[in-house]
C-alpha atoms as a PDB file:
ATOM      1  CA  MET A   1     108.529 122.506  23.381  1.00  0.00           C
ATOM      2  CA  PRO A   2     110.667 123.898  26.222  1.00  0.00           C
ATOM      3  CA  ASN A   3     113.810 121.987  27.230  1.00  0.00           C
ATOM      4  CA  ARG A   4     113.429 119.466  24.419  1.00  0.00           C
ATOM      5  CA  PRO A   5     116.528 117.272  24.550  1.00  0.00           C
ATOM      6  CA  THR A   6     118.714 116.652  21.544  1.00  0.00           C
ATOM      7  CA  VAL A   7     118.590 113.134  20.106  1.00  0.00           C
ATOM      8  CA  SER A   8     121.443 111.850  17.940  1.00  0.00           C
ATOM      9  CA  ILE A   9     121.068 108.786  15.712  1.00  0.00           C
ATOM     10  CA  ARG A  10     122.624 105.584  17.121  1.00  0.00           C
ATOM     11  CA  PHE A  11     121.018 103.047  14.744  1.00  0.00           C
ATOM     12  CA  SER A  12     119.463 104.371  11.526  1.00  0.00           C
ATOM     13  CA  ALA A  13     116.117 103.279  10.126  1.00  0.00           C
ATOM     14  CA  ALA A  14     117.943 101.496   7.284  1.00  0.00           C
ATOM     15  CA  GLU A  15     120.254  99.634   9.702  1.00  0.00           C
ATOM     16  CA  ILE A  16     117.283  98.541  11.791  1.00  0.00           C
ATOM     17  CA  ALA A  17     115.281  97.366   8.758  1.00  0.00           C
ATOM     18  CA  ALA A  18     118.201  95.311   7.448  1.00  0.00           C
ATOM     19  CA  ARG A  19     118.869  93.754  10.855  1.00  0.00           C
ATOM     20  CA  VAL A  20     115.179  92.895  11.425  1.00  0.00           C
ATOM     21  CA  ASP A  21     115.116  91.078   8.060  1.00  0.00           C
ATOM     22  CA  GLU A  22     118.291  89.146   9.000  1.00  0.00           C
ATOM     23  CA  MET A  23     116.825  88.186  12.368  1.00  0.00           C
ATOM     24  CA  ALA A  24     113.547  87.038  10.802  1.00  0.00           C
ATOM     25  CA  ALA A  25     115.375  84.813   8.310  1.00  0.00           C
ATOM     26  CA  ASP A  26     117.340  83.255  11.191  1.00  0.00           C
ATOM     27  CA  LEU A  27     114.242  82.798  13.373  1.00  0.00           C
ATOM     28  CA  ALA A  28     112.242  81.236  10.529  1.00  0.00           C
ATOM     29  CA  VAL A  29     114.727  78.380  10.171  1.00  0.00           C
ATOM     30  CA  LYS A  30     115.546  77.883  13.865  1.00  0.00           C
ATOM     31  CA  LEU A  31     112.104  77.869  15.483  1.00  0.00           C
ATOM     32  CA  ALA A  32     109.095  75.571  15.122  1.00  0.00           C
ATOM     33  CA  PRO A  33     106.437  76.272  12.465  1.00  0.00           C
ATOM     34  CA  ASP A  34     103.745  76.739  15.147  1.00  0.00           C
ATOM     35  CA  THR A  35     105.736  79.243  17.241  1.00  0.00           C
ATOM     36  CA  LEU A  36     103.687  81.866  19.072  1.00  0.00           C
ATOM     37  CA  VAL A  37     105.172  85.360  19.054  1.00  0.00           C
ATOM     38  CA  VAL A  38     104.498  87.202  22.323  1.00  0.00           C
ATOM     39  CA  SER A  39     105.299  90.899  22.176  1.00  0.00           C
ATOM     40  CA  VAL A  40     106.041  92.629  25.476  1.00  0.00           C
ATOM     41  CA  LEU A  41     104.307  96.010  25.405  1.00  0.00           C
ATOM     42  CA  LYS A  42     104.647  98.906  25.210  1.00  0.00           C
ATOM     43  CA  GLY A  43     108.215  99.297  24.017  1.00  0.00           C
ATOM     44  CA  SER A  44     108.378  96.379  21.589  1.00  0.00           C
ATOM     45  CA  PHE A  45     105.328  97.252  19.489  1.00  0.00           C
ATOM     46  CA  VAL A  46     107.262  98.846  16.610  1.00  0.00           C
ATOM     47  CA  PHE A  47     109.946  96.141  16.540  1.00  0.00           C
ATOM     48  CA  ALA A  48     107.348  93.350  16.878  1.00  0.00           C
ATOM     49  CA  ALA A  49     105.256  94.744  14.004  1.00  0.00           C
ATOM     50  CA  ASP A  50     108.267  94.928  11.695  1.00  0.00           C
ATOM     51  CA  LEU A  51     109.520  91.522  12.861  1.00  0.00           C
ATOM     52  CA  ILE A  52     106.196  89.733  12.252  1.00  0.00           C
ATOM     53  CA  ARG A  53     106.048  91.185   8.713  1.00  0.00           C
ATOM     54  CA  ALA A  54     109.672  90.145   8.100  1.00  0.00           C
ATOM     55  CA  LEU A  55     108.863  86.664   9.434  1.00  0.00           C
ATOM     56  CA  SER A  56     106.003  86.426   6.962  1.00  0.00           C
ATOM     57  CA  ARG A  57     108.356  87.368   4.109  1.00  0.00           C
ATOM     58  CA  ALA A  58     110.733  84.669   5.405  1.00  0.00           C
ATOM     59  CA  GLY A  59     107.955  82.054   5.218  1.00  0.00           C
ATOM     60  CA  ALA A  60     107.015  81.924   8.922  1.00  0.00           C
ATOM     61  CA  ASP A  61     103.296  82.591   9.343  1.00  0.00           C
ATOM     62  CA  TRP A  62     103.206  82.658  13.123  1.00  0.00           C
ATOM     63  CA  SER A  63     100.425  83.807  15.398  1.00  0.00           C
ATOM     64  CA  MET A  64     100.985  86.698  17.748  1.00  0.00           C
ATOM     65  CA  ASP A  65      99.796  87.794  21.173  1.00  0.00           C
ATOM     66  CA  PHE A  66     100.643  90.642  23.527  1.00  0.00           C
ATOM     67  CA  LEU A  67     101.733  90.856  27.143  1.00  0.00           C
ATOM     68  CA  THR A  68     101.978  94.144  29.011  1.00  0.00           C
ATOM     69  CA  LEU A  69     104.343  94.116  31.964  1.00  0.00           C
ATOM     70  CA  SER A  70     105.478  96.891  34.235  1.00  0.00           C
ATOM     71  CA  SER A  71     108.632  97.157  36.302  1.00  0.00           C
ATOM     72  CA  TYR A  72     109.462 100.843  35.932  1.00  0.00           C
ATOM     73  CA  GLY A  73     106.530 102.700  37.454  1.00  0.00           C
ATOM     74  CA  SER A  74     106.988 106.346  36.502  1.00  0.00           C
ATOM     75  CA  GLY A  75     110.795 106.369  36.685  1.00  0.00           C
ATOM     76  CA  THR A  76     113.626 105.454  34.337  1.00  0.00           C
ATOM     77  CA  GLU A  77     115.143 102.763  36.577  1.00  0.00           C
ATOM     78  CA  THR A  78     113.530  99.377  37.128  1.00  0.00           C
ATOM     79  CA  THR A  79     111.988  98.713  40.512  1.00  0.00           C
ATOM     80  CA  GLY A  80     112.856  95.020  40.198  1.00  0.00           C
ATOM     81  CA  HIS A  81     109.213  94.162  40.897  1.00  0.00           C
ATOM     82  CA  VAL A  82     107.339  93.042  37.755  1.00  0.00           C
ATOM     83  CA  LYS A  83     103.581  92.934  37.405  1.00  0.00           C
ATOM     84  CA  VAL A  84     101.270  91.784  34.622  1.00  0.00           C
ATOM     85  CA  VAL A  85      99.221  94.721  33.373  1.00  0.00           C
ATOM     86  CA  ARG A  86      97.659  92.874  30.388  1.00  0.00           C
ATOM     87  CA  ASP A  87      97.906  89.120  29.956  1.00  0.00           C
ATOM     88  CA  ILE A  88      98.063  87.052  26.783  1.00  0.00           C
ATOM     89  CA  VAL A  89      94.951  85.309  25.487  1.00  0.00           C
ATOM     90  CA  ASP A  90      96.516  82.355  23.643  1.00  0.00           C
ATOM     91  CA  ASP A  91      97.268  79.073  25.367  1.00  0.00           C
ATOM     92  CA  VAL A  92     101.031  78.418  25.385  1.00  0.00           C
ATOM     93  CA  ARG A  93     100.828  74.820  26.591  1.00  0.00           C
ATOM     94  CA  ASP A  94     103.066  72.534  24.479  1.00  0.00           C
ATOM     95  CA  ARG A  95     104.030  75.399  22.134  1.00  0.00           C
ATOM     96  CA  ASP A  96     107.258  77.148  21.323  1.00  0.00           C
ATOM     97  CA  VAL A  97     107.062  80.812  22.258  1.00  0.00           C
ATOM     98  CA  LEU A  98     109.172  83.670  20.941  1.00  0.00           C
ATOM     99  CA  LEU A  99     109.175  86.399  23.552  1.00  0.00           C
ATOM    100  CA  VAL A 100     109.879  89.719  21.797  1.00  0.00           C
ATOM    101  CA  ASP A 101     110.999  92.861  23.598  1.00  0.00           C
ATOM    102  CA  ASP A 102     112.641  96.098  22.614  1.00  0.00           C
ATOM    103  CA  ILE A 103     115.552  95.978  25.039  1.00  0.00           C
ATOM    104  CA  LEU A 104     117.194  93.628  27.520  1.00  0.00           C
ATOM    105  CA  GLU A 105     118.785  95.571  30.347  1.00  0.00           C
ATOM    106  CA  SER A 106     118.431  94.370  33.953  1.00  0.00           C
ATOM    107  CA  GLY A 107     116.715  91.159  32.835  1.00  0.00           C
ATOM    108  CA  PHE A 108     114.008  91.350  35.512  1.00  0.00           C
ATOM    109  CA  THR A 109     111.078  91.802  33.119  1.00  0.00           C
ATOM    110  CA  LEU A 110     112.076  89.146  30.593  1.00  0.00           C
ATOM    111  CA  SER A 111     113.090  86.665  33.328  1.00  0.00           C
ATOM    112  CA  PHE A 112     109.639  87.122  34.851  1.00  0.00           C
ATOM    113  CA  ALA A 113     107.912  86.701  31.475  1.00  0.00           C
ATOM    114  CA  LYS A 114     109.936  83.630  30.512  1.00  0.00           C
ATOM    115  CA  LYS A 115     109.260  81.937  33.850  1.00  0.00           C
ATOM    116  CA  LEU A 116     105.542  82.799  33.603  1.00  0.00           C
ATOM    117  CA  LEU A 117     105.239  81.209  30.153  1.00  0.00           C
ATOM    118  CA  GLU A 118     107.254  78.138  31.198  1.00  0.00           C
ATOM    119  CA  GLU A 119     105.024  77.682  34.260  1.00  0.00           C
ATOM    120  CA  ARG A 120     102.022  77.772  31.918  1.00  0.00           C
ATOM    121  CA  GLY A 121     103.451  74.837  29.980  1.00  0.00           C
ATOM    122  CA  ALA A 122     105.316  76.373  27.039  1.00  0.00           C
ATOM    123  CA  ARG A 123     107.509  73.751  25.375  1.00  0.00           C
ATOM    124  CA  ARG A 124     110.318  76.265  24.847  1.00  0.00           C
ATOM    125  CA  VAL A 125     110.592  80.024  25.371  1.00  0.00           C
ATOM    126  CA  SER A 126     113.132  81.863  23.228  1.00  0.00           C
ATOM    127  CA  ILE A 127     113.937  85.519  23.783  1.00  0.00           C
ATOM    128  CA  CYS A 128     114.360  87.993  20.944  1.00  0.00           C
ATOM    129  CA  THR A 129     115.353  91.583  21.683  1.00  0.00           C
ATOM    130  CA  LEU A 130     116.184  94.413  19.368  1.00  0.00           C
ATOM    131  CA  LEU A 131     118.735  95.801  21.818  1.00  0.00           C
ATOM    132  CA  ASP A 132     120.907  94.216  24.477  1.00  0.00           C
ATOM    133  CA  LYS A 133     122.745  96.120  27.209  1.00  0.00           C
ATOM    134  CA  PRO A 134     124.752  93.334  28.868  1.00  0.00           C
ATOM    135  CA  GLU A 135     126.584  95.629  31.320  1.00  0.00           C
ATOM    136  CA  LYS A 136     123.222  96.639  32.820  1.00  0.00           C
ATOM    137  CA  ARG A 137     122.206  93.006  33.542  1.00  0.00           C
ATOM    138  CA  ARG A 138     121.155  92.207  37.084  1.00  0.00           C
ATOM    139  CA  THR A 139     120.071  88.616  36.306  1.00  0.00           C
ATOM    140  CA  THR A 140     121.723  85.705  34.481  1.00  0.00           C
ATOM    141  CA  LEU A 141     119.254  85.899  31.584  1.00  0.00           C
ATOM    142  CA  GLN A 142     120.632  86.047  28.034  1.00  0.00           C
ATOM    143  CA  ALA A 143     118.668  86.681  24.846  1.00  0.00           C
ATOM    144  CA  ASP A 144     118.642  83.971  22.178  1.00  0.00           C
ATOM    145  CA  PHE A 145     118.345  86.486  19.329  1.00  0.00           C
ATOM    146  CA  VAL A 146     119.693  90.057  19.493  1.00  0.00           C
ATOM    147  CA  GLY A 147     119.503  92.855  16.967  1.00  0.00           C
ATOM    148  CA  PHE A 148     122.160  95.189  18.328  1.00  0.00           C
ATOM    149  CA  GLU A 149     124.305  95.500  21.422  1.00  0.00           C
ATOM    150  CA  ALA A 150     124.246  98.919  23.069  1.00  0.00           C
ATOM    151  CA  GLY A 151     126.280 100.584  25.755  1.00  0.00           C
ATOM    152  CA  ASP A 152     125.147 102.472  28.810  1.00  0.00           C
ATOM    153  CA  GLU A 153     123.334 105.232  26.950  1.00  0.00           C
ATOM    154  CA  PHE A 154     119.739 106.429  27.164  1.00  0.00           C
ATOM    155  CA  LEU A 155     118.073 105.324  23.923  1.00  0.00           C
ATOM    156  CA  VAL A 156     114.786 106.450  22.397  1.00  0.00           C
ATOM    157  CA  GLY A 157     112.882 105.913  19.172  1.00  0.00           C
ATOM    158  CA  TYR A 158     111.556 102.907  17.291  1.00  0.00           C
ATOM    159  CA  GLY A 159     109.250 102.194  20.239  1.00  0.00           C
ATOM    160  CA  LEU A 160     111.643 103.167  23.032  1.00  0.00           C
ATOM    161  CA  ASP A 161     110.480 106.150  25.028  1.00  0.00           C
ATOM    162  CA  TRP A 162     111.473 108.835  27.451  1.00  0.00           C
ATOM    163  CA  ALA A 163     108.463 109.806  29.591  1.00  0.00           C
ATOM    164  CA  HIS A 164     106.191 108.367  26.849  1.00  0.00           C
ATOM    165  CA  ARG A 165     107.821 110.569  24.175  1.00  0.00           C
ATOM    166  CA  PHE A 166     110.029 109.781  21.167  1.00  0.00           C
ATOM    167  CA  ARG A 167     108.509 106.299  20.514  1.00  0.00           C
ATOM    168  CA  GLY A 168     107.638 107.297  16.941  1.00  0.00           C
ATOM    169  CA  LEU A 169     111.148 108.146  15.766  1.00  0.00           C
ATOM    170  CA  PRO A 170     112.026 105.887  12.792  1.00  0.00           C
ATOM    171  CA  TYR A 171     115.536 105.343  14.205  1.00  0.00           C
ATOM    172  CA  ILE A 172     117.067 104.645  17.596  1.00  0.00           C
ATOM    173  CA  GLY A 173     118.746 107.672  19.054  1.00  0.00           C
ATOM    174  CA  VAL A 174     120.737 108.685  22.084  1.00  0.00           C
ATOM    175  CA  VAL A 175     119.337 111.386  24.320  1.00  0.00           C
ATOM    176  CA  GLU A 176     122.153 113.894  24.685  1.00  0.00           C
ATOM    177  CA  LYS A 177     122.750 115.354  28.106  1.00  0.00           C
ATOM    178  CA  THR A 178     121.876 119.033  28.308  1.00  0.00           C
ATOM    179  CA  ALA A 179     123.727 121.548  30.413  1.00  0.00           C
END
């Protein structure tokens, strides 16, 4: 493949697996037994799949639904405008919801999703992200559960993509700048 960028490992597959298990154990004791997991697609699908299995091992047999949102268009910077591409099916009224996403950067997408679920009557909406980039935040939103904090680096793998590529890497890597 011409001009394929170099990707260096930032968080290994083993580090991610261990952290997902730790997060699931924490979530299982802190959230209600009827919590609905809502995975924000596309980026969170790998993390959400591993998290739901880890939750099951931790004794939390929670139902799951999916929400596809878009705020990036075809670029790598958020437009700030979020739209629902695919909505959830489950009713969130009077339920605790765990909103799962791969990364919290600007906060626009997850703020939109949290407000949407609260407006639909969710009892409580908690946010769980694999990665948090607090210096990129453009809202006041904070995640309730975070896997790893990351700096201002372009990350791919484990569901995170660059132009729809690299999602299948078993680790999270940094795209190295090429000359």
